[in-house]
Amino acid sequence: MSADQPILIFGYGNPGCGDDAVGPDLIERIAAMQLQGVACITDMQLQVEHVIDMENRDLILFIDADASCADPFHFSEIGAEKDGSYTSHAMTPHALLQAYQQVYGCHSPPCFLLRIRGYQFELGDAYSAQTTANLNAATHLTQQLCSNPDIGQWRALLTA
């Protein structure tokens, strides 16, 4: 965690469950671009230990698959929220932000959530064709966000 990587992009999901892999796959695409000032992390799920990764960042983007949002994705700003997930093996981004506040005694950097619409989530499923198109659109948005690390510009792109 350093000042030379002020943006953290965190994609999570299960690569073995079809469209659930869309978060880590998007991170792989962004990491391959080697964008200056961007740190990329993937995991199967969010854990309380990930608060350490959030320290000293200016902007944070969480990326996950979602079976309920509209195509191609939903992009929103999020805040800390205590929910039941902090006691489980997998946390929501909101609960992770709450844990950040508890650990560091201050608010987290501004955080956003990109939920990419998926359709097939069973073990062994391949990507659906629509999710591939959604991933392409989300990649374009993420590249646009990373090229302009201004919170005002990020907020201007929020999904209505």
C-alpha atoms as a PDB file:
ATOM      1  CA  MET A   1       0.000   0.000   0.000  1.00  0.00           C
ATOM      2  CA  SER A   2       1.773   3.039  -1.188  1.00  0.00           C
ATOM      3  CA  ALA A   3       1.132   6.517  -2.454  1.00  0.00           C
ATOM      4  CA  ASP A   4       2.180   5.421  -5.948  1.00  0.00           C
ATOM      5  CA  GLN A   5      -0.943   3.228  -6.207  1.00  0.00           C
ATOM      6  CA  PRO A   6      -3.780   5.459  -4.972  1.00  0.00           C
ATOM      7  CA  ILE A   7      -6.509   3.409  -6.694  1.00  0.00           C
ATOM      8  CA  LEU A   8      -7.359  -0.088  -5.467  1.00  0.00           C
ATOM      9  CA  ILE A   9      -9.432  -2.304  -7.743  1.00  0.00           C
ATOM     10  CA  PHE A  10     -10.664  -5.434  -5.967  1.00  0.00           C
ATOM     11  CA  GLY A  11     -12.439  -8.185  -7.902  1.00  0.00           C
ATOM     12  CA  TYR A  12     -13.883 -11.160  -6.122  1.00  0.00           C
ATOM     13  CA  GLY A  13     -15.802 -14.274  -7.081  1.00  0.00           C
ATOM     14  CA  ASN A  14     -15.447 -17.989  -7.686  1.00  0.00           C
ATOM     15  CA  PRO A  15     -13.621 -18.805 -10.942  1.00  0.00           C
ATOM     16  CA  GLY A  16     -15.165 -22.291 -10.958  1.00  0.00           C
ATOM     17  CA  CYS A  17     -18.767 -21.067 -11.011  1.00  0.00           C
ATOM     18  CA  GLY A  18     -19.411 -19.625 -14.452  1.00  0.00           C
ATOM     19  CA  ASP A  19     -20.335 -15.956 -14.413  1.00  0.00           C
ATOM     20  CA  ASP A  20     -19.214 -15.587 -10.783  1.00  0.00           C
ATOM     21  CA  ALA A  21     -15.665 -15.320 -12.175  1.00  0.00           C
ATOM     22  CA  VAL A  22     -16.408 -11.973 -13.810  1.00  0.00           C
ATOM     23  CA  GLY A  23     -14.845  -9.924 -10.960  1.00  0.00           C
ATOM     24  CA  PRO A  24     -11.468 -11.692 -10.985  1.00  0.00           C
ATOM     25  CA  ASP A  25     -11.507 -11.828 -14.802  1.00  0.00           C
ATOM     26  CA  LEU A  26     -11.997  -8.063 -15.018  1.00  0.00           C
ATOM     27  CA  ILE A  27      -9.097  -7.579 -12.599  1.00  0.00           C
ATOM     28  CA  GLU A  28      -6.928  -9.783 -14.811  1.00  0.00           C
ATOM     29  CA  ARG A  29      -7.736  -7.572 -17.799  1.00  0.00           C
ATOM     30  CA  ILE A  30      -6.976  -4.350 -15.892  1.00  0.00           C
ATOM     31  CA  ALA A  31      -3.758  -5.753 -14.411  1.00  0.00           C
ATOM     32  CA  ALA A  32      -2.559  -6.683 -17.916  1.00  0.00           C
ATOM     33  CA  MET A  33      -2.955  -3.014 -18.940  1.00  0.00           C
ATOM     34  CA  GLN A  34      -0.422  -2.040 -16.251  1.00  0.00           C
ATOM     35  CA  LEU A  35      -2.200   1.229 -15.539  1.00  0.00           C
ATOM     36  CA  GLN A  36      -0.137   3.667 -13.533  1.00  0.00           C
ATOM     37  CA  GLY A  37      -1.353   4.251  -9.983  1.00  0.00           C
ATOM     38  CA  VAL A  38      -3.653   1.227  -9.905  1.00  0.00           C
ATOM     39  CA  ALA A  39      -3.312  -1.757  -7.572  1.00  0.00           C
ATOM     40  CA  CYS A  40      -5.266  -4.884  -8.540  1.00  0.00           C
ATOM     41  CA  ILE A  41      -6.330  -7.603  -6.101  1.00  0.00           C
ATOM     42  CA  THR A  42      -8.494 -10.686  -6.532  1.00  0.00           C
ATOM     43  CA  ASP A  43      -9.869 -13.212  -4.114  1.00  0.00           C
ATOM     44  CA  MET A  44     -12.728 -15.670  -3.924  1.00  0.00           C
ATOM     45  CA  GLN A  45     -14.448 -13.527  -1.292  1.00  0.00           C
ATOM     46  CA  LEU A  46     -13.925 -10.493   0.902  1.00  0.00           C
ATOM     47  CA  GLN A  47     -12.344 -11.126   4.292  1.00  0.00           C
ATOM     48  CA  VAL A  48     -11.699  -8.834   7.251  1.00  0.00           C
ATOM     49  CA  GLU A  49      -7.964  -9.021   6.503  1.00  0.00           C
ATOM     50  CA  HIS A  50      -8.594  -7.010   3.336  1.00  0.00           C
ATOM     51  CA  VAL A  51      -8.888  -3.809   5.408  1.00  0.00           C
ATOM     52  CA  ILE A  52      -5.082  -3.733   5.263  1.00  0.00           C
ATOM     53  CA  ASP A  53      -5.220  -3.535   1.453  1.00  0.00           C
ATOM     54  CA  MET A  54      -7.473  -0.465   1.697  1.00  0.00           C
ATOM     55  CA  GLU A  55      -5.077   1.616   3.764  1.00  0.00           C
ATOM     56  CA  ASN A  56      -3.469   4.673   2.097  1.00  0.00           C
ATOM     57  CA  ARG A  57      -5.723   4.593  -0.980  1.00  0.00           C
ATOM     58  CA  ASP A  58      -7.551   7.528  -2.554  1.00  0.00           C
ATOM     59  CA  LEU A  59     -10.289   5.521  -4.300  1.00  0.00           C
ATOM     60  CA  ILE A  60     -11.428   1.916  -4.048  1.00  0.00           C
ATOM     61  CA  LEU A  61     -13.515  -0.061  -6.527  1.00  0.00           C
ATOM     62  CA  PHE A  62     -15.034  -3.432  -5.624  1.00  0.00           C
ATOM     63  CA  ILE A  63     -16.109  -5.619  -8.558  1.00  0.00           C
ATOM     64  CA  ASP A  64     -18.462  -8.588  -8.291  1.00  0.00           C
ATOM     65  CA  ALA A  65     -20.957 -10.580 -10.318  1.00  0.00           C
ATOM     66  CA  ASP A  66     -24.643 -10.002  -9.629  1.00  0.00           C
ATOM     67  CA  ALA A  67     -27.676 -12.014 -10.712  1.00  0.00           C
ATOM     68  CA  SER A  68     -30.175  -9.235 -10.023  1.00  0.00           C
ATOM     69  CA  CYS A  69     -28.881  -5.959 -11.475  1.00  0.00           C
ATOM     70  CA  ALA A  70     -29.704  -4.724 -14.973  1.00  0.00           C
ATOM     71  CA  ASP A  71     -27.422  -5.375 -17.959  1.00  0.00           C
ATOM     72  CA  PRO A  72     -24.596  -4.651 -18.382  1.00  0.00           C
ATOM     73  CA  PHE A  73     -23.759  -3.543 -14.816  1.00  0.00           C
ATOM     74  CA  HIS A  74     -24.629  -1.279 -11.908  1.00  0.00           C
ATOM     75  CA  PHE A  75     -22.060   1.215 -10.618  1.00  0.00           C
ATOM     76  CA  SER A  76     -22.650   2.846  -7.224  1.00  0.00           C
ATOM     77  CA  GLU A  77     -20.895   4.593  -4.374  1.00  0.00           C
ATOM     78  CA  ILE A  78     -21.058   2.647  -1.116  1.00  0.00           C
ATOM     79  CA  GLY A  79     -20.485   3.294   2.562  1.00  0.00           C
ATOM     80  CA  ALA A  80     -19.887   1.408   5.776  1.00  0.00           C
ATOM     81  CA  GLU A  81     -22.754  -0.667   7.066  1.00  0.00           C
ATOM     82  CA  LYS A  82     -22.844  -3.211   9.830  1.00  0.00           C
ATOM     83  CA  ASP A  83     -24.515  -6.360   8.611  1.00  0.00           C
ATOM     84  CA  GLY A  84     -24.433 -10.025   9.468  1.00  0.00           C
ATOM     85  CA  SER A  85     -21.687 -10.842   6.986  1.00  0.00           C
ATOM     86  CA  TYR A  86     -18.876  -9.716   9.305  1.00  0.00           C
ATOM     87  CA  THR A  87     -19.299 -12.946  11.286  1.00  0.00           C
ATOM     88  CA  SER A  88     -19.162 -15.198   8.244  1.00  0.00           C
ATOM     89  CA  HIS A  89     -16.374 -16.355   5.989  1.00  0.00           C
ATOM     90  CA  ALA A  90     -17.455 -13.909   3.280  1.00  0.00           C
ATOM     91  CA  MET A  91     -18.110 -10.228   3.886  1.00  0.00           C
ATOM     92  CA  THR A  92     -20.019  -7.654   1.902  1.00  0.00           C
ATOM     93  CA  PRO A  93     -18.073  -4.572   0.806  1.00  0.00           C
ATOM     94  CA  HIS A  94     -20.231  -2.535   3.208  1.00  0.00           C
ATOM     95  CA  ALA A  95     -19.209  -4.712   6.166  1.00  0.00           C
ATOM     96  CA  LEU A  96     -15.566  -4.476   5.119  1.00  0.00           C
ATOM     97  CA  LEU A  97     -15.835  -0.683   5.205  1.00  0.00           C
ATOM     98  CA  GLN A  98     -17.360  -0.948   8.677  1.00  0.00           C
ATOM     99  CA  ALA A  99     -14.421  -3.117   9.761  1.00  0.00           C
ATOM    100  CA  TYR A 100     -12.032  -0.525   8.303  1.00  0.00           C
ATOM    101  CA  GLN A 101     -13.619   2.127  10.528  1.00  0.00           C
ATOM    102  CA  GLN A 102     -13.252  -0.102  13.570  1.00  0.00           C
ATOM    103  CA  VAL A 103      -9.603  -0.944  12.842  1.00  0.00           C
ATOM    104  CA  TYR A 104      -8.364   2.515  11.856  1.00  0.00           C
ATOM    105  CA  GLY A 105     -10.785   4.750  13.775  1.00  0.00           C
ATOM    106  CA  CYS A 106     -11.690   6.776  10.674  1.00  0.00           C
ATOM    107  CA  HIS A 107     -13.757   6.533   7.515  1.00  0.00           C
ATOM    108  CA  SER A 108     -12.389   4.526   4.619  1.00  0.00           C
ATOM    109  CA  PRO A 109     -11.342   6.192   1.391  1.00  0.00           C
ATOM    110  CA  PRO A 110     -14.263   6.733  -1.034  1.00  0.00           C
ATOM    111  CA  CYS A 111     -15.499   3.337  -2.220  1.00  0.00           C
ATOM    112  CA  PHE A 112     -17.527   2.228  -5.187  1.00  0.00           C
ATOM    113  CA  LEU A 113     -19.127  -1.067  -6.209  1.00  0.00           C
ATOM    114  CA  LEU A 114     -19.373  -2.338  -9.776  1.00  0.00           C
ATOM    115  CA  ARG A 115     -21.886  -5.175  -9.983  1.00  0.00           C
ATOM    116  CA  ILE A 116     -21.699  -6.945 -13.341  1.00  0.00           C
ATOM    117  CA  ARG A 117     -24.826  -8.801 -14.454  1.00  0.00           C
ATOM    118  CA  GLY A 118     -24.334 -12.551 -14.638  1.00  0.00           C
ATOM    119  CA  TYR A 119     -26.662 -15.435 -15.469  1.00  0.00           C
ATOM    120  CA  GLN A 120     -24.952 -18.804 -14.909  1.00  0.00           C
ATOM    121  CA  PHE A 121     -23.493 -19.463 -11.456  1.00  0.00           C
ATOM    122  CA  GLU A 122     -23.410 -23.231 -11.099  1.00  0.00           C
ATOM    123  CA  LEU A 123     -20.171 -25.101 -10.475  1.00  0.00           C
ATOM    124  CA  GLY A 124     -18.536 -25.877 -13.827  1.00  0.00           C
ATOM    125  CA  ASP A 125     -20.705 -23.462 -15.839  1.00  0.00           C
ATOM    126  CA  ALA A 126     -19.093 -21.516 -18.655  1.00  0.00           C
ATOM    127  CA  TYR A 127     -19.670 -17.803 -19.154  1.00  0.00           C
ATOM    128  CA  SER A 128     -22.970 -16.931 -20.702  1.00  0.00           C
ATOM    129  CA  ALA A 129     -22.741 -14.928 -23.937  1.00  0.00           C
ATOM    130  CA  GLN A 130     -24.494 -11.961 -22.334  1.00  0.00           C
ATOM    131  CA  THR A 131     -22.059 -11.924 -19.403  1.00  0.00           C
ATOM    132  CA  THR A 132     -19.140 -11.800 -21.833  1.00  0.00           C
ATOM    133  CA  ALA A 133     -20.688  -8.672 -23.381  1.00  0.00           C
ATOM    134  CA  ASN A 134     -21.299  -7.254 -19.891  1.00  0.00           C
ATOM    135  CA  LEU A 135     -17.671  -7.928 -18.941  1.00  0.00           C
ATOM    136  CA  ASN A 136     -16.509  -6.027 -22.032  1.00  0.00           C
ATOM    137  CA  ALA A 137     -18.665  -3.012 -21.096  1.00  0.00           C
ATOM    138  CA  ALA A 138     -17.457  -3.158 -17.478  1.00  0.00           C
ATOM    139  CA  THR A 139     -13.834  -3.338 -18.635  1.00  0.00           C
ATOM    140  CA  HIS A 140     -14.336  -0.148 -20.617  1.00  0.00           C
ATOM    141  CA  LEU A 141     -15.869   1.622 -17.600  1.00  0.00           C
ATOM    142  CA  THR A 142     -13.114   0.433 -15.262  1.00  0.00           C
ATOM    143  CA  GLN A 143     -10.393   1.582 -17.641  1.00  0.00           C
ATOM    144  CA  GLN A 144     -12.141   4.962 -17.854  1.00  0.00           C
ATOM    145  CA  LEU A 145     -12.297   5.213 -14.049  1.00  0.00           C
ATOM    146  CA  CYS A 146      -8.635   4.294 -13.630  1.00  0.00           C
ATOM    147  CA  SER A 147      -7.532   6.859 -16.184  1.00  0.00           C
ATOM    148  CA  ASN A 148      -9.227   9.649 -14.222  1.00  0.00           C
ATOM    149  CA  PRO A 149      -8.694   9.244 -10.461  1.00  0.00           C
ATOM    150  CA  ASP A 150     -10.966  12.165  -9.578  1.00  0.00           C
ATOM    151  CA  ILE A 151     -13.879  11.349  -7.276  1.00  0.00           C
ATOM    152  CA  GLY A 152     -16.061  13.902  -9.038  1.00  0.00           C
ATOM    153  CA  GLN A 153     -15.534  12.134 -12.346  1.00  0.00           C
ATOM    154  CA  TRP A 154     -16.285   8.765 -10.756  1.00  0.00           C
ATOM    155  CA  ARG A 155     -19.500  10.134  -9.254  1.00  0.00           C
ATOM    156  CA  ALA A 156     -20.517  11.530 -12.638  1.00  0.00           C
ATOM    157  CA  LEU A 157     -20.516   7.963 -14.013  1.00  0.00           C
ATOM    158  CA  LEU A 158     -22.769   6.454 -11.314  1.00  0.00           C
ATOM    159  CA  THR A 159     -25.629   4.321 -12.576  1.00  0.00           C
ATOM    160  CA  ALA A 160     -28.999   5.994 -12.073  1.00  0.00           C
END
